[in-house]
N, C-alpha and C. Protein backbone atom coordinates (compact mmCIF):
# COMPACT_ATOMS: atom_id res chain seq x y z
N MET A 1 0.85 -1.18 0.00
CA MET A 1 0.00 0.00 0.00
C MET A 1 0.89 1.24 0.00
N PHE A 2 0.63 2.08 -0.94
CA PHE A 2 1.30 3.37 -0.99
C PHE A 2 0.24 4.46 -1.08
N ALA A 3 -0.60 4.37 -2.07
CA ALA A 3 -1.60 5.41 -2.32
C ALA A 3 -2.61 5.52 -1.19
N GLY A 4 -3.04 4.41 -0.64
CA GLY A 4 -4.08 4.42 0.40
C GLY A 4 -3.74 5.28 1.59
N HIS A 5 -2.45 5.39 1.90
CA HIS A 5 -2.04 6.24 3.02
C HIS A 5 -2.48 7.69 2.83
N PHE A 6 -2.48 8.14 1.58
CA PHE A 6 -2.86 9.52 1.30
C PHE A 6 -4.34 9.80 1.61
N GLY A 7 -5.18 8.78 1.53
CA GLY A 7 -6.58 8.96 1.90
C GLY A 7 -6.73 9.37 3.36
N ILE A 8 -5.85 8.85 4.21
CA ILE A 8 -5.86 9.23 5.63
C ILE A 8 -5.52 10.71 5.78
N ALA A 9 -4.54 11.18 5.00
CA ALA A 9 -4.14 12.59 5.06
C ALA A 9 -5.31 13.51 4.68
N ALA A 10 -6.02 13.15 3.62
CA ALA A 10 -7.15 13.97 3.17
C ALA A 10 -8.26 13.99 4.21
N ALA A 11 -8.54 12.83 4.80
CA ALA A 11 -9.57 12.76 5.85
C ALA A 11 -9.15 13.58 7.06
N ALA A 12 -7.86 13.52 7.41
CA ALA A 12 -7.37 14.27 8.57
C ALA A 12 -7.47 15.78 8.32
N LYS A 13 -7.24 16.21 7.10
CA LYS A 13 -7.36 17.64 6.78
C LYS A 13 -8.77 18.12 7.06
N ALA A 14 -9.75 17.29 6.78
CA ALA A 14 -11.13 17.66 7.05
C ALA A 14 -11.41 17.80 8.55
N LYS A 15 -10.69 17.04 9.36
CA LYS A 15 -10.91 17.06 10.82
C LYS A 15 -9.99 18.04 11.53
N ALA A 16 -8.87 18.40 10.92
CA ALA A 16 -7.90 19.31 11.53
C ALA A 16 -7.46 20.33 10.48
N PRO A 17 -8.35 21.27 10.14
CA PRO A 17 -8.06 22.21 9.04
C PRO A 17 -6.84 23.09 9.25
N MET A 18 -6.40 23.27 10.50
CA MET A 18 -5.22 24.10 10.74
C MET A 18 -3.93 23.44 10.26
N LEU A 19 -3.94 22.12 10.15
CA LEU A 19 -2.74 21.41 9.69
C LEU A 19 -2.61 21.58 8.18
N PRO A 20 -1.44 22.01 7.72
CA PRO A 20 -1.25 22.12 6.26
C PRO A 20 -1.38 20.75 5.58
N LEU A 21 -2.00 20.75 4.43
CA LEU A 21 -2.21 19.50 3.70
C LEU A 21 -0.88 18.81 3.39
N TRP A 22 0.12 19.57 3.01
CA TRP A 22 1.41 18.97 2.66
C TRP A 22 2.02 18.26 3.87
N VAL A 23 1.82 18.82 5.06
CA VAL A 23 2.34 18.19 6.28
C VAL A 23 1.66 16.85 6.50
N LEU A 24 0.35 16.80 6.29
CA LEU A 24 -0.40 15.55 6.47
C LEU A 24 0.02 14.51 5.43
N LEU A 25 0.23 14.95 4.18
CA LEU A 25 0.65 14.02 3.13
C LEU A 25 2.02 13.43 3.45
N VAL A 26 2.94 14.27 3.92
CA VAL A 26 4.27 13.77 4.31
C VAL A 26 4.14 12.87 5.53
N ALA A 27 3.30 13.25 6.49
CA ALA A 27 3.14 12.46 7.72
C ALA A 27 2.67 11.03 7.42
N THR A 28 1.80 10.87 6.44
CA THR A 28 1.33 9.52 6.12
C THR A 28 2.43 8.65 5.55
N GLN A 29 3.45 9.27 4.99
CA GLN A 29 4.55 8.52 4.37
C GLN A 29 5.85 8.59 5.18
N LEU A 30 5.81 9.20 6.35
CA LEU A 30 7.03 9.42 7.12
C LEU A 30 7.78 8.12 7.44
N ILE A 31 7.06 7.06 7.75
CA ILE A 31 7.69 5.77 8.04
C ILE A 31 8.44 5.27 6.79
N ASP A 32 7.83 5.44 5.61
CA ASP A 32 8.50 5.02 4.37
C ASP A 32 9.67 5.95 4.03
N ILE A 33 9.55 7.23 4.36
CA ILE A 33 10.67 8.15 4.13
C ILE A 33 11.86 7.71 4.97
N ILE A 34 11.62 7.33 6.20
CA ILE A 34 12.68 6.81 7.07
C ILE A 34 13.24 5.52 6.47
N PHE A 35 12.34 4.66 5.96
CA PHE A 35 12.80 3.43 5.31
C PHE A 35 13.78 3.75 4.18
N PHE A 36 13.44 4.71 3.32
CA PHE A 36 14.32 5.01 2.18
C PHE A 36 15.64 5.64 2.62
N LEU A 37 15.63 6.36 3.72
CA LEU A 37 16.91 6.85 4.27
C LEU A 37 17.77 5.67 4.72
N PHE A 38 17.14 4.73 5.43
CA PHE A 38 17.86 3.53 5.87
C PHE A 38 18.27 2.66 4.69
N TYR A 39 17.44 2.63 3.66
CA TYR A 39 17.74 1.89 2.43
C TYR A 39 19.01 2.48 1.79
N ALA A 40 19.06 3.82 1.71
CA ALA A 40 20.22 4.49 1.12
C ALA A 40 21.49 4.22 1.93
N LEU A 41 21.32 4.03 3.23
CA LEU A 41 22.47 3.74 4.10
C LEU A 41 22.83 2.25 4.14
N GLY A 42 22.00 1.43 3.49
CA GLY A 42 22.26 -0.01 3.44
C GLY A 42 21.79 -0.76 4.67
N LEU A 43 21.00 -0.11 5.53
CA LEU A 43 20.50 -0.76 6.74
C LEU A 43 19.24 -1.59 6.48
N GLU A 44 18.48 -1.21 5.46
CA GLU A 44 17.25 -1.92 5.10
C GLU A 44 17.24 -2.10 3.59
N TRP A 45 16.46 -3.05 3.11
CA TRP A 45 16.40 -3.30 1.67
C TRP A 45 15.06 -3.90 1.30
N MET A 46 14.83 -3.99 -0.03
CA MET A 46 13.60 -4.60 -0.53
C MET A 46 13.84 -5.21 -1.88
N GLU A 47 12.98 -6.17 -2.20
CA GLU A 47 12.96 -6.80 -3.51
C GLU A 47 11.54 -6.63 -4.03
N THR A 48 11.39 -6.02 -5.21
CA THR A 48 10.05 -5.76 -5.74
C THR A 48 9.73 -6.68 -6.91
N THR A 49 8.46 -7.06 -6.98
CA THR A 49 7.98 -7.91 -8.08
C THR A 49 6.58 -7.50 -8.50
N GLY A 50 6.25 -6.22 -8.45
CA GLY A 50 4.91 -5.76 -8.84
C GLY A 50 4.03 -5.50 -7.63
N TYR A 51 2.77 -5.18 -7.88
CA TYR A 51 1.86 -4.78 -6.81
C TYR A 51 1.78 -5.86 -5.74
N GLY A 52 2.10 -5.46 -4.53
CA GLY A 52 1.99 -6.35 -3.39
C GLY A 52 3.03 -7.45 -3.36
N GLY A 53 3.95 -7.44 -4.31
CA GLY A 53 4.92 -8.51 -4.38
C GLY A 53 6.25 -8.17 -3.74
N ALA A 54 6.32 -7.03 -3.10
CA ALA A 54 7.59 -6.61 -2.51
C ALA A 54 7.90 -7.42 -1.26
N THR A 55 9.15 -7.83 -1.19
CA THR A 55 9.66 -8.40 0.05
C THR A 55 10.46 -7.29 0.71
N ILE A 56 9.98 -6.83 1.84
CA ILE A 56 10.58 -5.68 2.50
C ILE A 56 11.33 -6.13 3.74
N HIS A 57 12.54 -5.67 3.83
CA HIS A 57 13.37 -5.94 5.01
C HIS A 57 13.57 -4.60 5.71
N ALA A 58 12.56 -4.21 6.46
CA ALA A 58 12.53 -2.90 7.12
C ALA A 58 12.41 -3.11 8.63
N PHE A 59 13.40 -3.75 9.18
CA PHE A 59 13.34 -4.15 10.59
C PHE A 59 13.55 -3.00 11.56
N TYR A 60 13.92 -1.85 11.05
CA TYR A 60 14.07 -0.68 11.92
C TYR A 60 12.92 0.30 11.69
N SER A 61 12.82 0.83 10.48
CA SER A 61 11.82 1.86 10.18
C SER A 61 10.39 1.39 10.39
N HIS A 62 10.11 0.12 10.14
CA HIS A 62 8.75 -0.39 10.22
C HIS A 62 8.48 -1.22 11.47
N SER A 63 9.34 -1.08 12.47
CA SER A 63 9.05 -1.77 13.74
C SER A 63 7.99 -0.97 14.49
N LEU A 64 7.21 -1.66 15.29
CA LEU A 64 6.16 -1.01 16.06
C LEU A 64 6.74 0.08 16.97
N ILE A 65 7.84 -0.21 17.62
CA ILE A 65 8.44 0.74 18.56
C ILE A 65 8.90 2.01 17.84
N VAL A 66 9.55 1.86 16.69
CA VAL A 66 9.99 3.04 15.93
C VAL A 66 8.77 3.82 15.43
N ALA A 67 7.74 3.13 14.97
CA ALA A 67 6.52 3.81 14.52
C ALA A 67 5.90 4.62 15.66
N LEU A 68 5.87 4.04 16.85
CA LEU A 68 5.33 4.76 18.01
C LEU A 68 6.21 5.95 18.38
N LEU A 69 7.52 5.76 18.32
CA LEU A 69 8.45 6.84 18.64
C LEU A 69 8.33 8.00 17.64
N VAL A 70 8.31 7.68 16.36
CA VAL A 70 8.18 8.72 15.34
C VAL A 70 6.83 9.42 15.47
N SER A 71 5.79 8.67 15.76
CA SER A 71 4.46 9.26 15.96
C SER A 71 4.46 10.20 17.16
N TRP A 72 5.13 9.81 18.24
CA TRP A 72 5.20 10.64 19.44
C TRP A 72 5.97 11.94 19.15
N ILE A 73 7.05 11.83 18.38
CA ILE A 73 7.80 13.03 17.99
C ILE A 73 6.90 13.95 17.16
N ALA A 74 6.09 13.37 16.27
CA ALA A 74 5.15 14.16 15.47
C ALA A 74 4.13 14.86 16.37
N VAL A 75 3.66 14.16 17.41
CA VAL A 75 2.72 14.78 18.37
C VAL A 75 3.38 15.99 19.01
N LEU A 76 4.61 15.84 19.47
CA LEU A 76 5.31 16.93 20.15
C LEU A 76 5.53 18.12 19.21
N ILE A 77 6.01 17.85 18.01
CA ILE A 77 6.25 18.94 17.05
C ILE A 77 4.93 19.58 16.63
N GLY A 78 3.95 18.75 16.32
CA GLY A 78 2.64 19.28 15.91
C GLY A 78 1.97 20.08 17.00
N SER A 79 2.08 19.64 18.25
CA SER A 79 1.48 20.35 19.38
C SER A 79 2.12 21.72 19.55
N LYS A 80 3.42 21.76 19.40
CA LYS A 80 4.14 23.03 19.56
C LYS A 80 3.76 24.02 18.45
N LYS A 81 3.63 23.50 17.24
CA LYS A 81 3.39 24.37 16.08
C LYS A 81 1.91 24.71 15.86
N TRP A 82 1.01 23.72 16.06
CA TRP A 82 -0.40 23.92 15.72
C TRP A 82 -1.36 23.66 16.87
N GLY A 83 -0.87 23.44 18.07
CA GLY A 83 -1.74 23.19 19.22
C GLY A 83 -1.86 21.70 19.53
N ARG A 84 -2.22 21.42 20.76
CA ARG A 84 -2.23 20.04 21.27
C ARG A 84 -3.13 19.09 20.45
N GLY A 85 -4.37 19.50 20.20
CA GLY A 85 -5.29 18.63 19.45
C GLY A 85 -4.77 18.30 18.06
N ASN A 86 -4.25 19.30 17.38
CA ASN A 86 -3.70 19.08 16.04
C ASN A 86 -2.44 18.22 16.10
N GLY A 87 -1.67 18.37 17.18
CA GLY A 87 -0.49 17.52 17.35
C GLY A 87 -0.88 16.06 17.46
N TRP A 88 -1.94 15.79 18.20
CA TRP A 88 -2.40 14.40 18.32
C TRP A 88 -2.92 13.86 16.99
N VAL A 89 -3.59 14.72 16.22
CA VAL A 89 -4.04 14.29 14.89
C VAL A 89 -2.83 13.96 14.02
N LEU A 90 -1.82 14.81 14.07
CA LEU A 90 -0.61 14.57 13.27
C LEU A 90 0.06 13.26 13.66
N GLY A 91 0.19 13.02 14.97
CA GLY A 91 0.78 11.76 15.44
C GLY A 91 -0.04 10.55 15.00
N ALA A 92 -1.36 10.68 15.05
CA ALA A 92 -2.23 9.57 14.62
C ALA A 92 -2.07 9.30 13.13
N VAL A 93 -1.90 10.36 12.34
CA VAL A 93 -1.70 10.19 10.90
C VAL A 93 -0.39 9.45 10.64
N VAL A 94 0.66 9.82 11.37
CA VAL A 94 1.94 9.11 11.21
C VAL A 94 1.77 7.64 11.57
N PHE A 95 1.12 7.36 12.71
CA PHE A 95 0.98 5.97 13.15
C PHE A 95 0.04 5.17 12.26
N SER A 96 -0.89 5.84 11.59
CA SER A 96 -1.81 5.14 10.68
C SER A 96 -1.05 4.38 9.61
N HIS A 97 0.13 4.87 9.26
CA HIS A 97 0.95 4.19 8.25
C HIS A 97 1.26 2.76 8.71
N TRP A 98 1.69 2.61 9.95
CA TRP A 98 2.05 1.29 10.46
C TRP A 98 0.81 0.39 10.52
N LEU A 99 -0.31 0.95 10.95
CA LEU A 99 -1.54 0.15 11.04
C LEU A 99 -2.00 -0.35 9.67
N LEU A 100 -1.94 0.52 8.67
CA LEU A 100 -2.33 0.10 7.32
C LEU A 100 -1.33 -0.91 6.76
N ASP A 101 -0.05 -0.71 7.05
CA ASP A 101 0.95 -1.70 6.61
C ASP A 101 0.71 -3.04 7.28
N LEU A 102 0.31 -3.03 8.54
CA LEU A 102 -0.01 -4.27 9.25
C LEU A 102 -1.11 -5.03 8.51
N LEU A 103 -2.06 -4.31 7.99
CA LEU A 103 -3.16 -4.92 7.26
C LEU A 103 -2.70 -5.58 5.96
N VAL A 104 -1.84 -4.91 5.21
CA VAL A 104 -1.51 -5.41 3.87
C VAL A 104 -0.22 -6.23 3.79
N HIS A 105 0.74 -5.92 4.63
CA HIS A 105 2.03 -6.63 4.53
C HIS A 105 1.89 -8.10 4.90
N ARG A 106 2.77 -8.89 4.27
CA ARG A 106 2.96 -10.26 4.75
C ARG A 106 3.71 -10.13 6.07
N PRO A 107 3.83 -11.16 6.86
CA PRO A 107 4.53 -11.01 8.13
C PRO A 107 5.99 -10.57 7.94
N ASP A 108 6.19 -9.25 7.98
CA ASP A 108 7.53 -8.68 7.87
C ASP A 108 7.71 -7.44 8.75
N LEU A 109 6.73 -7.19 9.63
CA LEU A 109 6.79 -6.03 10.51
C LEU A 109 7.19 -6.48 11.92
N PRO A 110 8.36 -6.05 12.39
CA PRO A 110 8.80 -6.45 13.73
C PRO A 110 8.20 -5.56 14.82
N LEU A 111 8.15 -6.09 16.02
CA LEU A 111 7.72 -5.29 17.16
C LEU A 111 8.85 -4.36 17.61
N LEU A 112 10.05 -4.92 17.71
CA LEU A 112 11.20 -4.16 18.20
C LEU A 112 12.16 -3.85 17.06
N PRO A 113 12.86 -2.71 17.14
CA PRO A 113 13.82 -2.36 16.08
C PRO A 113 14.86 -3.46 15.88
N GLY A 114 15.13 -3.76 14.63
CA GLY A 114 16.10 -4.80 14.32
C GLY A 114 15.61 -6.19 14.66
N ASN A 115 14.34 -6.30 14.98
CA ASN A 115 13.73 -7.55 15.43
C ASN A 115 14.54 -8.18 16.58
N ILE A 116 14.90 -7.31 17.53
CA ILE A 116 15.60 -7.76 18.73
C ILE A 116 14.78 -8.85 19.40
N GLY A 117 15.42 -9.91 19.80
CA GLY A 117 14.73 -11.03 20.43
C GLY A 117 14.14 -12.00 19.44
N ASN A 118 14.29 -11.70 18.14
CA ASN A 118 13.79 -12.59 17.10
C ASN A 118 12.32 -12.98 17.32
N MET A 119 11.50 -11.99 17.65
CA MET A 119 10.08 -12.22 17.90
C MET A 119 9.36 -12.46 16.57
N PRO A 120 8.16 -13.03 16.62
CA PRO A 120 7.40 -13.25 15.37
C PRO A 120 7.14 -11.92 14.66
N LEU A 121 7.22 -11.95 13.36
CA LEU A 121 6.93 -10.77 12.55
C LEU A 121 5.44 -10.68 12.31
N LEU A 122 4.94 -9.44 12.18
CA LEU A 122 3.51 -9.21 12.03
C LEU A 122 3.15 -8.79 10.61
N GLY A 123 1.93 -9.07 10.22
CA GLY A 123 1.39 -8.68 8.92
C GLY A 123 0.26 -9.63 8.56
N PHE A 124 -0.89 -9.07 8.21
CA PHE A 124 -2.05 -9.90 7.89
C PHE A 124 -2.05 -10.38 6.44
N GLY A 125 -1.18 -9.84 5.59
CA GLY A 125 -0.98 -10.38 4.26
C GLY A 125 -2.06 -10.10 3.23
N LEU A 126 -2.73 -8.97 3.35
CA LEU A 126 -3.76 -8.65 2.35
C LEU A 126 -3.17 -8.54 0.95
N TRP A 127 -1.87 -8.30 0.86
CA TRP A 127 -1.21 -8.27 -0.45
C TRP A 127 -1.30 -9.62 -1.15
N ASN A 128 -1.55 -10.69 -0.42
CA ASN A 128 -1.70 -12.01 -1.04
C ASN A 128 -2.99 -12.10 -1.85
N MET A 129 -3.88 -11.13 -1.65
CA MET A 129 -5.13 -11.03 -2.40
C MET A 129 -5.15 -9.66 -3.07
N PRO A 130 -4.41 -9.50 -4.18
CA PRO A 130 -4.20 -8.18 -4.78
C PRO A 130 -5.49 -7.42 -5.11
N VAL A 131 -6.51 -8.11 -5.59
CA VAL A 131 -7.74 -7.42 -5.95
C VAL A 131 -8.41 -6.82 -4.71
N ILE A 132 -8.47 -7.59 -3.64
CA ILE A 132 -9.07 -7.09 -2.40
C ILE A 132 -8.21 -5.97 -1.81
N SER A 133 -6.90 -6.14 -1.84
CA SER A 133 -5.99 -5.11 -1.33
C SER A 133 -6.17 -3.80 -2.10
N LEU A 134 -6.25 -3.90 -3.41
CA LEU A 134 -6.44 -2.72 -4.24
C LEU A 134 -7.80 -2.06 -3.96
N CYS A 135 -8.82 -2.87 -3.73
CA CYS A 135 -10.14 -2.32 -3.39
C CYS A 135 -10.11 -1.59 -2.04
N VAL A 136 -9.41 -2.14 -1.06
CA VAL A 136 -9.28 -1.47 0.24
C VAL A 136 -8.57 -0.14 0.05
N GLU A 137 -7.51 -0.16 -0.74
CA GLU A 137 -6.76 1.06 -1.00
C GLU A 137 -7.64 2.10 -1.70
N ALA A 138 -8.39 1.67 -2.69
CA ALA A 138 -9.29 2.57 -3.41
C ALA A 138 -10.36 3.13 -2.48
N LEU A 139 -10.87 2.30 -1.57
CA LEU A 139 -11.87 2.79 -0.61
C LEU A 139 -11.29 3.82 0.35
N LEU A 140 -10.05 3.63 0.77
CA LEU A 140 -9.38 4.63 1.61
C LEU A 140 -9.25 5.96 0.87
N LEU A 141 -8.87 5.88 -0.39
CA LEU A 141 -8.74 7.10 -1.19
C LEU A 141 -10.09 7.76 -1.43
N LEU A 142 -11.08 6.96 -1.75
CA LEU A 142 -12.42 7.51 -2.00
C LEU A 142 -12.98 8.16 -0.73
N GLY A 143 -12.83 7.48 0.40
CA GLY A 143 -13.31 8.05 1.67
C GLY A 143 -12.57 9.33 2.01
N GLY A 144 -11.25 9.34 1.85
CA GLY A 144 -10.47 10.55 2.11
C GLY A 144 -10.86 11.68 1.19
N TRP A 145 -11.04 11.36 -0.09
CA TRP A 145 -11.44 12.38 -1.06
C TRP A 145 -12.82 12.94 -0.71
N PHE A 146 -13.75 12.08 -0.34
CA PHE A 146 -15.09 12.53 0.03
C PHE A 146 -15.04 13.48 1.22
N LEU A 147 -14.33 13.10 2.29
CA LEU A 147 -14.24 13.95 3.48
C LEU A 147 -13.53 15.26 3.17
N TYR A 148 -12.48 15.19 2.36
CA TYR A 148 -11.76 16.40 1.99
C TYR A 148 -12.66 17.32 1.16
N THR A 149 -13.36 16.76 0.19
CA THR A 149 -14.25 17.56 -0.65
C THR A 149 -15.37 18.19 0.18
N ARG A 150 -15.93 17.42 1.09
CA ARG A 150 -16.96 17.97 1.98
C ARG A 150 -16.40 19.12 2.81
N TYR A 151 -15.18 18.95 3.32
CA TYR A 151 -14.55 20.03 4.08
C TYR A 151 -14.36 21.28 3.20
N VAL A 152 -13.84 21.08 1.98
CA VAL A 152 -13.59 22.20 1.08
C VAL A 152 -14.88 22.96 0.80
N TRP A 153 -15.97 22.25 0.58
CA TRP A 153 -17.23 22.91 0.24
C TRP A 153 -17.95 23.49 1.44
N ARG A 154 -17.78 22.88 2.60
CA ARG A 154 -18.52 23.33 3.78
C ARG A 154 -17.73 24.31 4.63
N ASP A 155 -16.47 24.04 4.85
CA ASP A 155 -15.71 24.80 5.84
C ASP A 155 -14.70 25.77 5.25
N ASP A 156 -14.42 25.68 3.99
CA ASP A 156 -13.43 26.55 3.37
C ASP A 156 -14.13 27.72 2.70
N SER A 157 -14.83 28.52 3.49
CA SER A 157 -15.67 29.58 2.94
C SER A 157 -14.86 30.75 2.37
N ARG A 158 -13.55 30.80 2.67
CA ARG A 158 -12.71 31.88 2.13
C ARG A 158 -12.47 31.69 0.64
N SER A 159 -12.53 30.48 0.17
CA SER A 159 -12.24 30.19 -1.23
C SER A 159 -13.44 30.48 -2.13
N THR A 160 -13.13 30.88 -3.35
CA THR A 160 -14.19 31.06 -4.34
C THR A 160 -14.67 29.69 -4.79
N ARG A 161 -15.79 29.68 -5.48
CA ARG A 161 -16.34 28.42 -5.99
C ARG A 161 -15.33 27.71 -6.90
N LEU A 162 -14.69 28.46 -7.78
CA LEU A 162 -13.71 27.88 -8.70
C LEU A 162 -12.56 27.24 -7.92
N LYS A 163 -12.05 27.91 -6.88
CA LYS A 163 -10.96 27.35 -6.08
C LYS A 163 -11.40 26.06 -5.38
N ARG A 164 -12.63 26.03 -4.92
CA ARG A 164 -13.13 24.81 -4.27
C ARG A 164 -13.18 23.65 -5.25
N VAL A 165 -13.69 23.93 -6.45
CA VAL A 165 -13.75 22.89 -7.48
C VAL A 165 -12.34 22.42 -7.82
N MET A 166 -11.41 23.36 -7.94
CA MET A 166 -10.03 23.01 -8.27
C MET A 166 -9.38 22.18 -7.17
N LYS A 167 -9.59 22.54 -5.91
CA LYS A 167 -9.01 21.79 -4.81
C LYS A 167 -9.51 20.35 -4.80
N SER A 168 -10.81 20.19 -4.94
CA SER A 168 -11.40 18.86 -4.93
C SER A 168 -10.94 18.04 -6.14
N THR A 169 -10.94 18.68 -7.31
CA THR A 169 -10.54 17.99 -8.54
C THR A 169 -9.07 17.60 -8.50
N CYS A 170 -8.23 18.51 -8.05
CA CYS A 170 -6.79 18.20 -7.97
C CYS A 170 -6.53 17.05 -7.01
N MET A 171 -7.23 17.04 -5.89
CA MET A 171 -7.05 15.93 -4.93
C MET A 171 -7.49 14.62 -5.58
N GLY A 172 -8.62 14.64 -6.28
CA GLY A 172 -9.09 13.43 -6.96
C GLY A 172 -8.12 12.94 -8.01
N ILE A 173 -7.58 13.85 -8.80
CA ILE A 173 -6.60 13.48 -9.83
C ILE A 173 -5.33 12.92 -9.19
N PHE A 174 -4.88 13.57 -8.13
CA PHE A 174 -3.70 13.08 -7.41
C PHE A 174 -3.92 11.66 -6.91
N PHE A 175 -5.08 11.42 -6.33
CA PHE A 175 -5.39 10.08 -5.81
C PHE A 175 -5.42 9.04 -6.92
N VAL A 176 -6.05 9.37 -8.03
CA VAL A 176 -6.11 8.42 -9.16
C VAL A 176 -4.69 8.12 -9.66
N CYS A 177 -3.88 9.16 -9.80
CA CYS A 177 -2.49 8.95 -10.26
C CYS A 177 -1.70 8.08 -9.28
N MET A 178 -1.87 8.32 -7.98
CA MET A 178 -1.16 7.52 -6.97
C MET A 178 -1.61 6.06 -7.02
N LEU A 179 -2.91 5.85 -7.20
CA LEU A 179 -3.42 4.49 -7.27
C LEU A 179 -2.90 3.78 -8.51
N LEU A 180 -2.88 4.49 -9.64
CA LEU A 180 -2.33 3.90 -10.87
C LEU A 180 -0.85 3.60 -10.71
N MET A 181 -0.12 4.51 -10.09
CA MET A 181 1.30 4.29 -9.86
C MET A 181 1.52 3.09 -8.94
N ASP A 182 0.63 2.91 -8.00
CA ASP A 182 0.73 1.80 -7.05
C ASP A 182 0.56 0.45 -7.74
N THR A 183 -0.22 0.43 -8.80
CA THR A 183 -0.52 -0.85 -9.46
C THR A 183 0.48 -1.20 -10.55
N LEU A 184 1.31 -0.26 -10.95
CA LEU A 184 2.27 -0.52 -12.03
C LEU A 184 3.55 -1.15 -11.52
């Protein structure tokens, strides 16, 4: 899952309008951004074979403890910058990445960084059913787009009608492109 994470960002924007959309979009991918930093350093790696076929060795960035730690840091930064409630929303958006990965990944998510203690790896393996996985991802995007569009039309009264249409349309196009990119 890559695109589906963005649906959470759009839904969160509707619930926490003070948070910039770009911050929420980055927050949903922050765990993967850390993964790619570790990948560049040679600490983590992956083998890809198409949609849902990736074998990911992300024993640090995708461990439950690191996800909780990064989420807590997001809460602290978000609380300082946008207030306590928005900080908690930001932290929840960051942590949603791990929860959604738990749903789709095969058992490759460790509890502790580096899989200390060699504990069982977690993952419900929805990627083993690509059509269902893709449908879940599409539903996340559709739900996020719906909530975002409703927010734009109801709560974004500063914008003109044309700007509202553009915001909603651009978000929809972005989501479709991300979903298509996810399947290629």
